[in-house]
Amino acid sequence: MAAYSLSIKPSAVEEVEEISTKRDRQRVVRRIAALAAEPRPRGCEKLTGPADVYRVRQGPYRILYVVDDAARTVDVLKVGHRREVYRHGP
């Protein structure tokens, strides 16, 4: 299976940089990088709503992203703490 290309919105990059501890930041970055090899890993969930947005967990953080199988891309939309990430939509 060929890998997917990965793109991250600039706002999601800023959200990753705002994660308080270096260890948590590294874990989130590794989880995002792993999405290129497996865009729907075990434990991911498709969120309800009009868009095909998926969610994976990494500790107390959530990564929201869209998978386009035709173009073989994964677009990371939002990264944040579980209590805040769903408030304003992706």
PDB file of N, CA and C in Angstrom:
ATOM      1  N   MET A   1       0.838  -1.176   0.000  1.00  0.00           N
ATOM      2  CA  MET A   1       0.000   0.000   0.000  1.00  0.00           C
ATOM      3  C   MET A   1       0.886   1.243   0.000  1.00  0.00           C
ATOM      4  N   ALA A   2       0.650   2.135  -0.927  1.00  0.00           N
ATOM      5  CA  ALA A   2       1.436   3.371  -1.020  1.00  0.00           C
ATOM      6  C   ALA A   2       1.001   4.343   0.071  1.00  0.00           C
ATOM      7  N   ALA A   3       1.924   5.157   0.515  1.00  0.00           N
ATOM      8  CA  ALA A   3       1.649   6.123   1.566  1.00  0.00           C
ATOM      9  C   ALA A   3       0.816   7.288   1.039  1.00  0.00           C
ATOM     10  N   TYR A   4       0.116   7.898   1.930  1.00  0.00           N
ATOM     11  CA  TYR A   4      -0.662   9.094   1.613  1.00  0.00           C
ATOM     12  C   TYR A   4       0.229  10.311   1.832  1.00  0.00           C
ATOM     13  N   SER A   5      -0.050  11.374   1.080  1.00  0.00           N
ATOM     14  CA  SER A   5       0.673  12.621   1.346  1.00  0.00           C
ATOM     15  C   SER A   5      -0.046  13.337   2.489  1.00  0.00           C
ATOM     16  N   LEU A   6       0.713  14.054   3.261  1.00  0.00           N
ATOM     17  CA  LEU A   6       0.202  14.668   4.474  1.00  0.00           C
ATOM     18  C   LEU A   6       0.304  16.180   4.357  1.00  0.00           C
ATOM     19  N   SER A   7      -0.786  16.868   4.648  1.00  0.00           N
ATOM     20  CA  SER A   7      -0.734  18.329   4.704  1.00  0.00           C
ATOM     21  C   SER A   7      -1.375  18.779   6.017  1.00  0.00           C
ATOM     22  N   ILE A   8      -0.826  19.842   6.561  1.00  0.00           N
ATOM     23  CA  ILE A   8      -1.301  20.352   7.845  1.00  0.00           C
ATOM     24  C   ILE A   8      -1.618  21.827   7.683  1.00  0.00           C
ATOM     25  N   LYS A   9      -2.830  22.213   8.076  1.00  0.00           N
ATOM     26  CA  LYS A   9      -3.200  23.626   8.008  1.00  0.00           C
ATOM     27  C   LYS A   9      -2.267  24.442   8.897  1.00  0.00           C
ATOM     28  N   PRO A  10      -1.931  25.657   8.487  1.00  0.00           N
ATOM     29  CA  PRO A  10      -1.062  26.507   9.318  1.00  0.00           C
ATOM     30  C   PRO A  10      -1.605  26.707  10.732  1.00  0.00           C
ATOM     31  N   SER A  11      -2.923  26.801  10.862  1.00  0.00           N
ATOM     32  CA  SER A  11      -3.499  26.957  12.203  1.00  0.00           C
ATOM     33  C   SER A  11      -3.270  25.713  13.051  1.00  0.00           C
ATOM     34  N   ALA A  12      -3.286  24.523  12.429  1.00  0.00           N
ATOM     35  CA  ALA A  12      -3.019  23.287  13.173  1.00  0.00           C
ATOM     36  C   ALA A  12      -1.558  23.223  13.605  1.00  0.00           C
ATOM     37  N   VAL A  13      -0.655  23.744  12.769  1.00  0.00           N
ATOM     38  CA  VAL A  13       0.764  23.798  13.148  1.00  0.00           C
ATOM     39  C   VAL A  13       0.919  24.664  14.391  1.00  0.00           C
ATOM     40  N   GLU A  14       0.252  25.804  14.423  1.00  0.00           N
ATOM     41  CA  GLU A  14       0.312  26.683  15.592  1.00  0.00           C
ATOM     42  C   GLU A  14      -0.249  25.994  16.827  1.00  0.00           C
ATOM     43  N   GLU A  15      -1.331  25.222  16.640  1.00  0.00           N
ATOM     44  CA  GLU A  15      -1.932  24.519  17.775  1.00  0.00           C
ATOM     45  C   GLU A  15      -0.967  23.468  18.340  1.00  0.00           C
ATOM     46  N   VAL A  16      -0.241  22.799  17.468  1.00  0.00           N
ATOM     47  CA  VAL A  16       0.747  21.819  17.929  1.00  0.00           C
ATOM     48  C   VAL A  16       1.856  22.530  18.698  1.00  0.00           C
ATOM     49  N   GLU A  17       2.312  23.664  18.186  1.00  0.00           N
ATOM     50  CA  GLU A  17       3.382  24.408  18.857  1.00  0.00           C
ATOM     51  C   GLU A  17       2.955  24.927  20.223  1.00  0.00           C
ATOM     52  N   GLU A  18       1.644  25.104  20.435  1.00  0.00           N
ATOM     53  CA  GLU A  18       1.145  25.610  21.709  1.00  0.00           C
ATOM     54  C   GLU A  18       1.003  24.531  22.773  1.00  0.00           C
ATOM     55  N   ILE A  19       1.191  23.270  22.424  1.00  0.00           N
ATOM     56  CA  ILE A  19       1.105  22.191  23.413  1.00  0.00           C
ATOM     57  C   ILE A  19       2.201  22.409  24.443  1.00  0.00           C
ATOM     58  N   SER A  20       1.809  22.358  25.708  1.00  0.00           N
ATOM     59  CA  SER A  20       2.688  22.831  26.780  1.00  0.00           C
ATOM     60  C   SER A  20       3.961  22.021  26.985  1.00  0.00           C
ATOM     61  N   THR A  21       3.895  20.704  26.959  1.00  0.00           N
ATOM     62  CA  THR A  21       5.097  19.928  27.242  1.00  0.00           C
ATOM     63  C   THR A  21       5.708  19.368  25.957  1.00  0.00           C
ATOM     64  N   LYS A  22       7.014  19.307  25.939  1.00  0.00           N
ATOM     65  CA  LYS A  22       7.741  18.806  24.773  1.00  0.00           C
ATOM     66  C   LYS A  22       7.390  17.349  24.494  1.00  0.00           C
ATOM     67  N   ARG A  23       7.251  16.575  25.542  1.00  0.00           N
ATOM     68  CA  ARG A  23       6.924  15.151  25.391  1.00  0.00           C
ATOM     69  C   ARG A  23       5.566  14.959  24.700  1.00  0.00           C
ATOM     70  N   ASP A  24       4.545  15.706  25.137  1.00  0.00           N
ATOM     71  CA  ASP A  24       3.228  15.616  24.505  1.00  0.00           C
ATOM     72  C   ASP A  24       3.288  16.083  23.053  1.00  0.00           C
ATOM     73  N   ARG A  25       4.033  17.160  22.813  1.00  0.00           N
ATOM     74  CA  ARG A  25       4.188  17.691  21.449  1.00  0.00           C
ATOM     75  C   ARG A  25       4.801  16.639  20.536  1.00  0.00           C
ATOM     76  N   GLN A  26       5.848  15.964  21.002  1.00  0.00           N
ATOM     77  CA  GLN A  26       6.503  14.931  20.194  1.00  0.00           C
ATOM     78  C   GLN A  26       5.556  13.770  19.904  1.00  0.00           C
ATOM     79  N   ARG A  27       4.767  13.373  20.877  1.00  0.00           N
ATOM     80  CA  ARG A  27       3.814  12.289  20.675  1.00  0.00           C
ATOM     81  C   ARG A  27       2.758  12.649  19.640  1.00  0.00           C
ATOM     82  N   VAL A  28       2.261  13.881  19.702  1.00  0.00           N
ATOM     83  CA  VAL A  28       1.264  14.332  18.739  1.00  0.00           C
ATOM     84  C   VAL A  28       1.874  14.364  17.337  1.00  0.00           C
ATOM     85  N   VAL A  29       3.092  14.864  17.213  1.00  0.00           N
ATOM     86  CA  VAL A  29       3.754  14.933  15.904  1.00  0.00           C
ATOM     87  C   VAL A  29       3.962  13.526  15.340  1.00  0.00           C
ATOM     88  N   ARG A  30       4.368  12.580  16.179  1.00  0.00           N
ATOM     89  CA  ARG A  30       4.540  11.190  15.712  1.00  0.00           C
ATOM     90  C   ARG A  30       3.214  10.598  15.259  1.00  0.00           C
ATOM     91  N   ARG A  31       2.137  10.905  15.991  1.00  0.00           N
ATOM     92  CA  ARG A  31       0.812  10.382  15.630  1.00  0.00           C
ATOM     93  C   ARG A  31       0.363  10.967  14.287  1.00  0.00           C
ATOM     94  N   ILE A  32       0.620  12.250  14.068  1.00  0.00           N
ATOM     95  CA  ILE A  32       0.272  12.876  12.790  1.00  0.00           C
ATOM     96  C   ILE A  32       1.080  12.249  11.665  1.00  0.00           C
ATOM     97  N   ALA A  33       2.375  12.050  11.866  1.00  0.00           N
ATOM     98  CA  ALA A  33       3.227  11.444  10.838  1.00  0.00           C
ATOM     99  C   ALA A  33       2.764  10.032  10.503  1.00  0.00           C
ATOM    100  N   ALA A  34       2.274   9.304  11.488  1.00  0.00           N
ATOM    101  CA  ALA A  34       1.804   7.933  11.258  1.00  0.00           C
ATOM    102  C   ALA A  34       0.548   7.897  10.386  1.00  0.00           C
ATOM    103  N   LEU A  35      -0.189   8.993  10.326  1.00  0.00           N
ATOM    104  CA  LEU A  35      -1.394   9.033   9.491  1.00  0.00           C
ATOM    105  C   LEU A  35      -1.060   8.902   8.008  1.00  0.00           C
ATOM    106  N   ALA A  36       0.141   9.261   7.599  1.00  0.00           N
ATOM    107  CA  ALA A  36       0.540   9.123   6.196  1.00  0.00           C
ATOM    108  C   ALA A  36       0.605   7.652   5.793  1.00  0.00           C
ATOM    109  N   ALA A  37       1.023   6.796   6.701  1.00  0.00           N
ATOM    110  CA  ALA A  37       1.112   5.365   6.398  1.00  0.00           C
ATOM    111  C   ALA A  37      -0.231   4.665   6.584  1.00  0.00           C
ATOM    112  N   GLU A  38      -0.986   5.062   7.594  1.00  0.00           N
ATOM    113  CA  GLU A  38      -2.276   4.441   7.890  1.00  0.00           C
ATOM    114  C   GLU A  38      -3.274   5.532   8.259  1.00  0.00           C
ATOM    115  N   PRO A  39      -4.047   6.036   7.283  1.00  0.00           N
ATOM    116  CA  PRO A  39      -4.941   7.163   7.553  1.00  0.00           C
ATOM    117  C   PRO A  39      -6.131   6.838   8.451  1.00  0.00           C
ATOM    118  N   ARG A  40      -6.456   5.571   8.576  1.00  0.00           N
ATOM    119  CA  ARG A  40      -7.549   5.174   9.463  1.00  0.00           C
ATOM    120  C   ARG A  40      -7.044   4.115  10.447  1.00  0.00           C
ATOM    121  N   PRO A  41      -6.207   4.548  11.397  1.00  0.00           N
ATOM    122  CA  PRO A  41      -5.637   3.583  12.346  1.00  0.00           C
ATOM    123  C   PRO A  41      -6.698   3.053  13.300  1.00  0.00           C
ATOM    124  N   ARG A  42      -6.350   2.003  13.977  1.00  0.00           N
ATOM    125  CA  ARG A  42      -7.249   1.446  14.976  1.00  0.00           C
ATOM    126  C   ARG A  42      -7.532   2.512  16.030  1.00  0.00           C
ATOM    127  N   GLY A  43      -8.794   2.677  16.363  1.00  0.00           N
ATOM    128  CA  GLY A  43      -9.176   3.672  17.357  1.00  0.00           C
ATOM    129  C   GLY A  43      -9.623   4.995  16.771  1.00  0.00           C
ATOM    130  N   CYS A  44      -9.489   5.191  15.457  1.00  0.00           N
ATOM    131  CA  CYS A  44      -9.954   6.446  14.869  1.00  0.00           C
ATOM    132  C   CYS A  44     -11.478   6.391  14.763  1.00  0.00           C
ATOM    133  N   GLU A  45     -12.103   7.548  14.771  1.00  0.00           N
ATOM    134  CA  GLU A  45     -13.554   7.624  14.642  1.00  0.00           C
ATOM    135  C   GLU A  45     -13.920   8.677  13.628  1.00  0.00           C
ATOM    136  N   LYS A  46     -14.949   8.377  12.837  1.00  0.00           N
ATOM    137  CA  LYS A  46     -15.494   9.363  11.919  1.00  0.00           C
ATOM    138  C   LYS A  46     -16.479  10.203  12.715  1.00  0.00           C
ATOM    139  N   LEU A  47     -16.326  11.509  12.644  1.00  0.00           N
ATOM    140  CA  LEU A  47     -17.213  12.398  13.377  1.00  0.00           C
ATOM    141  C   LEU A  47     -18.501  12.596  12.594  1.00  0.00           C
ATOM    142  N   THR A  48     -19.581  12.859  13.301  1.00  0.00           N
ATOM    143  CA  THR A  48     -20.851  13.119  12.636  1.00  0.00           C
ATOM    144  C   THR A  48     -20.828  14.526  12.065  1.00  0.00           C
ATOM    145  N   GLY A  49     -21.578  14.730  11.014  1.00  0.00           N
ATOM    146  CA  GLY A  49     -21.633  16.035  10.378  1.00  0.00           C
ATOM    147  C   GLY A  49     -21.491  15.904   8.880  1.00  0.00           C
ATOM    148  N   PRO A  50     -21.533  17.031   8.186  1.00  0.00           N
ATOM    149  CA  PRO A  50     -21.524  16.994   6.725  1.00  0.00           C
ATOM    150  C   PRO A  50     -20.183  16.575   6.115  1.00  0.00           C
ATOM    151  N   ALA A  51     -19.079  16.909   6.746  1.00  0.00           N
ATOM    152  CA  ALA A  51     -17.764  16.589   6.178  1.00  0.00           C
ATOM    153  C   ALA A  51     -17.292  15.228   6.687  1.00  0.00           C
ATOM    154  N   ASP A  52     -16.410  14.605   5.943  1.00  0.00           N
ATOM    155  CA  ASP A  52     -15.831  13.318   6.348  1.00  0.00           C
ATOM    156  C   ASP A  52     -14.613  13.569   7.229  1.00  0.00           C
ATOM    157  N   VAL A  53     -14.853  14.035   8.429  1.00  0.00           N
ATOM    158  CA  VAL A  53     -13.781  14.363   9.362  1.00  0.00           C
ATOM    159  C   VAL A  53     -13.578  13.183  10.307  1.00  0.00           C
ATOM    160  N   TYR A  54     -12.318  12.811  10.481  1.00  0.00           N
ATOM    161  CA  TYR A  54     -11.955  11.732  11.394  1.00  0.00           C
ATOM    162  C   TYR A  54     -11.222  12.310  12.589  1.00  0.00           C
ATOM    163  N   ARG A  55     -11.169  11.502  13.658  1.00  0.00           N
ATOM    164  CA  ARG A  55     -10.498  11.922  14.871  1.00  0.00           C
ATOM    165  C   ARG A  55      -9.650  10.777  15.401  1.00  0.00           C
ATOM    166  N   VAL A  56      -8.428  11.098  15.818  1.00  0.00           N
ATOM    167  CA  VAL A  56      -7.613  10.145  16.568  1.00  0.00           C
ATOM    168  C   VAL A  56      -7.219  10.804  17.875  1.00  0.00           C
ATOM    169  N   ARG A  57      -7.013   9.979  18.864  1.00  0.00           N
ATOM    170  CA  ARG A  57      -6.617  10.458  20.187  1.00  0.00           C
ATOM    171  C   ARG A  57      -5.121  10.267  20.389  1.00  0.00           C
ATOM    172  N   GLN A  58      -4.540  11.195  21.094  1.00  0.00           N
ATOM    173  CA  GLN A  58      -3.169  11.053  21.570  1.00  0.00           C
ATOM    174  C   GLN A  58      -3.137  11.648  22.960  1.00  0.00           C
ATOM    175  N   GLY A  59      -3.291  10.791  23.953  1.00  0.00           N
ATOM    176  CA  GLY A  59      -3.385  11.271  25.328  1.00  0.00           C
ATOM    177  C   GLY A  59      -4.597  12.175  25.456  1.00  0.00           C
ATOM    178  N   PRO A  60      -4.445  13.351  26.070  1.00  0.00           N
ATOM    179  CA  PRO A  60      -5.587  14.261  26.210  1.00  0.00           C
ATOM    180  C   PRO A  60      -5.825  15.120  24.959  1.00  0.00           C
ATOM    181  N   TYR A  61      -5.070  14.883  23.906  1.00  0.00           N
ATOM    182  CA  TYR A  61      -5.185  15.693  22.696  1.00  0.00           C
ATOM    183  C   TYR A  61      -5.931  14.939  21.611  1.00  0.00           C
ATOM    184  N   ARG A  62      -6.580  15.695  20.732  1.00  0.00           N
ATOM    185  CA  ARG A  62      -7.313  15.134  19.612  1.00  0.00           C
ATOM    186  C   ARG A  62      -6.781  15.738  18.320  1.00  0.00           C
ATOM    187  N   ILE A  63      -6.709  14.908  17.284  1.00  0.00           N
ATOM    188  CA  ILE A  63      -6.258  15.336  15.965  1.00  0.00           C
ATOM    189  C   ILE A  63      -7.432  15.124  15.017  1.00  0.00           C
ATOM    190  N   LEU A  64      -7.916  16.197  14.411  1.00  0.00           N
ATOM    191  CA  LEU A  64      -9.025  16.120  13.469  1.00  0.00           C
ATOM    192  C   LEU A  64      -8.470  16.245  12.061  1.00  0.00           C
ATOM    193  N   TYR A  65      -8.910  15.361  11.168  1.00  0.00           N
ATOM    194  CA  TYR A  65      -8.347  15.337   9.822  1.00  0.00           C
ATOM    195  C   TYR A  65      -9.346  14.771   8.821  1.00  0.00           C
ATOM    196  N   VAL A  66      -9.054  15.018   7.534  1.00  0.00           N
ATOM    197  CA  VAL A  66      -9.877  14.543   6.424  1.00  0.00           C
ATOM    198  C   VAL A  66      -9.014  13.661   5.543  1.00  0.00           C
ATOM    199  N   VAL A  67      -9.584  12.549   5.074  1.00  0.00           N
ATOM    200  CA  VAL A  67      -8.872  11.627   4.193  1.00  0.00           C
ATOM    201  C   VAL A  67      -9.518  11.686   2.810  1.00  0.00           C
ATOM    202  N   ASP A  68      -8.701  11.873   1.783  1.00  0.00           N
ATOM    203  CA  ASP A  68      -9.165  11.816   0.392  1.00  0.00           C
ATOM    204  C   ASP A  68      -8.479  10.621  -0.266  1.00  0.00           C
ATOM    205  N   ASP A  69      -9.234   9.521  -0.394  1.00  0.00           N
ATOM    206  CA  ASP A  69      -8.646   8.294  -0.935  1.00  0.00           C
ATOM    207  C   ASP A  69      -8.319   8.413  -2.424  1.00  0.00           C
ATOM    208  N   ALA A  70      -9.104   9.176  -3.165  1.00  0.00           N
ATOM    209  CA  ALA A  70      -8.848   9.330  -4.598  1.00  0.00           C
ATOM    210  C   ALA A  70      -7.521  10.043  -4.845  1.00  0.00           C
ATOM    211  N   ALA A  71      -7.263  11.104  -4.087  1.00  0.00           N
ATOM    212  CA  ALA A  71      -6.020  11.866  -4.242  1.00  0.00           C
ATOM    213  C   ALA A  71      -4.914  11.335  -3.323  1.00  0.00           C
ATOM    214  N   ARG A  72      -5.260  10.397  -2.447  1.00  0.00           N
ATOM    215  CA  ARG A  72      -4.322   9.809  -1.488  1.00  0.00           C
ATOM    216  C   ARG A  72      -3.663  10.886  -0.618  1.00  0.00           C
ATOM    217  N   THR A  73      -4.524  11.715  -0.009  1.00  0.00           N
ATOM    218  CA  THR A  73      -4.036  12.774   0.870  1.00  0.00           C
ATOM    219  C   THR A  73      -4.722  12.703   2.232  1.00  0.00           C
ATOM    220  N   VAL A  74      -4.019  13.177   3.238  1.00  0.00           N
ATOM    221  CA  VAL A  74      -4.555  13.353   4.585  1.00  0.00           C
ATOM    222  C   VAL A  74      -4.322  14.818   4.934  1.00  0.00           C
ATOM    223  N   ASP A  75      -5.395  15.527   5.249  1.00  0.00           N
ATOM    224  CA  ASP A  75      -5.313  16.945   5.600  1.00  0.00           C
ATOM    225  C   ASP A  75      -5.654  17.114   7.075  1.00  0.00           C
ATOM    226  N   VAL A  76      -4.685  17.521   7.873  1.00  0.00           N
ATOM    227  CA  VAL A  76      -4.905  17.751   9.302  1.00  0.00           C
ATOM    228  C   VAL A  76      -5.527  19.131   9.455  1.00  0.00           C
ATOM    229  N   LEU A  77      -6.708  19.165  10.090  1.00  0.00           N
ATOM    230  CA  LEU A  77      -7.457  20.408  10.214  1.00  0.00           C
ATOM    231  C   LEU A  77      -7.249  21.105  11.550  1.00  0.00           C
ATOM    232  N   LYS A  78      -7.204  20.308  12.614  1.00  0.00           N
ATOM    233  CA  LYS A  78      -7.188  20.913  13.939  1.00  0.00           C
ATOM    234  C   LYS A  78      -6.538  19.949  14.928  1.00  0.00           C
ATOM    235  N   VAL A  79      -5.802  20.508  15.876  1.00  0.00           N
ATOM    236  CA  VAL A  79      -5.180  19.740  16.949  1.00  0.00           C
ATOM    237  C   VAL A  79      -5.442  20.499  18.238  1.00  0.00           C
ATOM    238  N   GLY A  80      -5.908  19.791  19.259  1.00  0.00           N
ATOM    239  CA  GLY A  80      -6.153  20.490  20.507  1.00  0.00           C
ATOM    240  C   GLY A  80      -6.498  19.563  21.644  1.00  0.00           C
ATOM    241  N   HIS A  81      -6.597  20.155  22.821  1.00  0.00           N
ATOM    242  CA  HIS A  81      -6.977  19.410  24.008  1.00  0.00           C
ATOM    243  C   HIS A  81      -8.421  18.955  23.859  1.00  0.00           C
ATOM    244  N   ARG A  82      -8.742  17.823  24.420  1.00  0.00           N
ATOM    245  CA  ARG A  82     -10.055  17.225  24.223  1.00  0.00           C
ATOM    246  C   ARG A  82     -11.205  18.115  24.681  1.00  0.00           C
ATOM    247  N   ARG A  83     -10.979  18.972  25.662  1.00  0.00           N
ATOM    248  CA  ARG A  83     -12.077  19.830  26.134  1.00  0.00           C
ATOM    249  C   ARG A  83     -12.300  21.038  25.228  1.00  0.00           C
ATOM    250  N   GLU A  84     -11.358  21.323  24.326  1.00  0.00           N
ATOM    251  CA  GLU A  84     -11.457  22.528  23.504  1.00  0.00           C
ATOM    252  C   GLU A  84     -11.587  22.269  22.004  1.00  0.00           C
ATOM    253  N   VAL A  85     -11.168  21.118  21.530  1.00  0.00           N
ATOM    254  CA  VAL A  85     -10.994  20.900  20.101  1.00  0.00           C
ATOM    255  C   VAL A  85     -12.309  20.915  19.303  1.00  0.00           C
ATOM    256  N   TYR A  86     -13.419  20.562  19.926  1.00  0.00           N
ATOM    257  CA  TYR A  86     -14.674  20.456  19.190  1.00  0.00           C
ATOM    258  C   TYR A  86     -15.513  21.730  19.251  1.00  0.00           C
ATOM    259  N   ARG A  87     -15.091  22.733  19.967  1.00  0.00           N
ATOM    260  CA  ARG A  87     -15.926  23.907  20.226  1.00  0.00           C
ATOM    261  C   ARG A  87     -16.309  24.730  18.999  1.00  0.00           C
ATOM    262  N   HIS A  88     -15.395  24.988  18.108  1.00  0.00           N
ATOM    263  CA  HIS A  88     -15.680  25.873  16.980  1.00  0.00           C
ATOM    264  C   HIS A  88     -15.663  25.131  15.651  1.00  0.00           C
ATOM    265  N   GLY A  89     -15.620  23.821  15.663  1.00  0.00           N
ATOM    266  CA  GLY A  89     -15.604  23.052  14.432  1.00  0.00           C
ATOM    267  C   GLY A  89     -14.256  23.109  13.741  1.00  0.00           C
ATOM    268  N   PRO A  90     -14.010  22.162  12.814  1.00  0.00           N
ATOM    269  CA  PRO A  90     -12.719  22.109  12.120  1.00  0.00           C
ATOM    270  C   PRO A  90     -12.525  23.179  11.094  1.00  0.00           C
TER     271      PRO A  90
END
